[in-house]
C-alpha atoms as a PDB file:
ATOM      1  CA  MET A   1    -114.256 -86.835 -20.544  1.00  0.00           C
ATOM      2  CA  THR A   2    -116.317 -84.072 -19.019  1.00  0.00           C
ATOM      3  CA  THR A   3    -118.246 -84.360 -15.825  1.00  0.00           C
ATOM      4  CA  THR A   4    -121.570 -82.650 -15.483  1.00  0.00           C
ATOM      5  CA  THR A   5    -122.880 -81.348 -12.225  1.00  0.00           C
ATOM      6  CA  PRO A   6    -126.299 -82.707 -11.298  1.00  0.00           C
ATOM      7  CA  PRO A   7    -129.070 -80.109 -11.169  1.00  0.00           C
ATOM      8  CA  PRO A   8    -129.443 -78.482  -7.748  1.00  0.00           C
ATOM      9  CA  LEU A   9    -132.115 -79.717  -5.374  1.00  0.00           C
ATOM     10  CA  THR A  10    -134.732 -77.594  -3.694  1.00  0.00           C
ATOM     11  CA  ALA A  11    -134.718 -77.474   0.099  1.00  0.00           C
ATOM     12  CA  LYS A  12    -137.698 -79.841   0.235  1.00  0.00           C
ATOM     13  CA  GLN A  13    -136.085 -82.275  -2.210  1.00  0.00           C
ATOM     14  CA  ARG A  14    -132.916 -82.302  -0.067  1.00  0.00           C
ATOM     15  CA  ALA A  15    -135.055 -82.993   2.999  1.00  0.00           C
ATOM     16  CA  VAL A  16    -136.883 -85.864   1.270  1.00  0.00           C
ATOM     17  CA  LEU A  17    -133.600 -87.348   0.044  1.00  0.00           C
ATOM     18  CA  GLU A  18    -132.117 -87.156   3.546  1.00  0.00           C
ATOM     19  CA  TYR A  19    -135.268 -88.763   4.992  1.00  0.00           C
ATOM     20  CA  ILE A  20    -134.931 -91.645   2.523  1.00  0.00           C
ATOM     21  CA  ARG A  21    -131.245 -92.084   3.387  1.00  0.00           C
ATOM     22  CA  THR A  22    -131.852 -92.159   7.132  1.00  0.00           C
ATOM     23  CA  ASN A  23    -134.983 -94.326   6.995  1.00  0.00           C
ATOM     24  CA  THR A  24    -133.794 -97.036   4.639  1.00  0.00           C
ATOM     25  CA  THR A  25    -132.683-100.189   6.381  1.00  0.00           C
ATOM     26  CA  ALA A  26    -133.864-103.379   4.717  1.00  0.00           C
ATOM     27  CA  ALA A  27    -136.354-101.494   2.535  1.00  0.00           C
ATOM     28  CA  SER A  28    -136.966 -97.908   1.517  1.00  0.00           C
ATOM     29  CA  PRO A  29    -139.933 -95.913   2.843  1.00  0.00           C
ATOM     30  CA  THR A  30    -143.165 -95.819   0.858  1.00  0.00           C
ATOM     31  CA  SER A  31    -144.683 -92.648  -0.606  1.00  0.00           C
ATOM     32  CA  ARG A  32    -147.310 -92.793   2.123  1.00  0.00           C
ATOM     33  CA  GLU A  33    -144.641 -92.957   4.852  1.00  0.00           C
ATOM     34  CA  ILE A  34    -142.735 -90.050   3.317  1.00  0.00           C
ATOM     35  CA  ALA A  35    -145.922 -87.978   3.083  1.00  0.00           C
ATOM     36  CA  ALA A  36    -146.768 -88.705   6.720  1.00  0.00           C
ATOM     37  CA  ALA A  37    -143.257 -87.748   7.854  1.00  0.00           C
ATOM     38  CA  PHE A  38    -143.594 -84.328   6.203  1.00  0.00           C
ATOM     39  CA  GLY A  39    -147.217 -83.754   7.208  1.00  0.00           C
ATOM     40  CA  TRP A  40    -148.552 -83.893   3.662  1.00  0.00           C
ATOM     41  CA  ARG A  41    -152.170 -84.957   3.287  1.00  0.00           C
ATOM     42  CA  SER A  42    -151.629 -87.078   0.205  1.00  0.00           C
ATOM     43  CA  PRO A  43    -148.928 -89.526  -0.891  1.00  0.00           C
ATOM     44  CA  HIS A  44    -149.083 -87.786  -4.276  1.00  0.00           C
ATOM     45  CA  ALA A  45    -147.024 -84.911  -2.846  1.00  0.00           C
ATOM     46  CA  ALA A  46    -144.263 -87.387  -1.995  1.00  0.00           C
ATOM     47  CA  THR A  47    -144.543 -88.934  -5.459  1.00  0.00           C
ATOM     48  CA  VAL A  48    -144.005 -85.525  -7.074  1.00  0.00           C
ATOM     49  CA  HIS A  49    -140.786 -85.037  -5.077  1.00  0.00           C
ATOM     50  CA  LEU A  50    -139.638 -88.587  -5.833  1.00  0.00           C
ATOM     51  CA  LYS A  51    -140.166 -88.032  -9.571  1.00  0.00           C
ATOM     52  CA  ALA A  52    -138.110 -84.826  -9.383  1.00  0.00           C
ATOM     53  CA  LEU A  53    -135.307 -86.612  -7.495  1.00  0.00           C
ATOM     54  CA  GLU A  54    -135.341 -89.386 -10.078  1.00  0.00           C
ATOM     55  CA  LYS A  55    -135.241 -86.901 -12.960  1.00  0.00           C
ATOM     56  CA  LYS A  56    -132.271 -85.155 -11.321  1.00  0.00           C
ATOM     57  CA  GLY A  57    -130.426 -88.478 -11.039  1.00  0.00           C
ATOM     58  CA  ARG A  58    -130.414 -88.720  -7.231  1.00  0.00           C
ATOM     59  CA  ILE A  59    -132.609 -91.825  -6.879  1.00  0.00           C
ATOM     60  CA  ARG A  60    -133.790 -94.762  -8.963  1.00  0.00           C
ATOM     61  CA  ARG A  61    -137.213 -96.368  -8.609  1.00  0.00           C
ATOM     62  CA  LEU A  62    -138.087 -99.849  -9.801  1.00  0.00           C
ATOM     63  CA  GLN A  63    -141.491 -99.906 -11.450  1.00  0.00           C
ATOM     64  CA  GLY A  64    -144.167-102.258 -10.177  1.00  0.00           C
ATOM     65  CA  ARG A  65    -142.654-102.717  -6.717  1.00  0.00           C
ATOM     66  CA  ARG A  66    -143.369-101.176  -3.349  1.00  0.00           C
ATOM     67  CA  ARG A  67    -140.474 -99.792  -1.372  1.00  0.00           C
ATOM     68  CA  ASN A  68    -138.652 -99.350  -4.650  1.00  0.00           C
ATOM     69  CA  ILE A  69    -136.379 -96.363  -3.958  1.00  0.00           C
ATOM     70  CA  GLU A  70    -132.637 -96.702  -4.425  1.00  0.00           C
ATOM     71  CA  VAL A  71    -130.416 -93.712  -3.537  1.00  0.00           C
ATOM     72  CA  LEU A  72    -127.709 -93.236  -6.144  1.00  0.00           C
ATOM     73  CA  PRO A  73    -124.173 -92.082  -5.341  1.00  0.00           C
END
């Protein structure tokens, strides 16, 4: 069995992932909340980073639900 190393994260992706980890209590932050925390004008910027984190296997998002971010080990 071989283990593969997950692709490296950019500095901004690491920051977004850390924000999600520290701001998830009962529910994860929304794209709008993430965008506001980083000073981005649009929630779309947060969505782009979330899609990259999901593609790299760091988070999972449940479709059709708000506050749907799950940080993976």
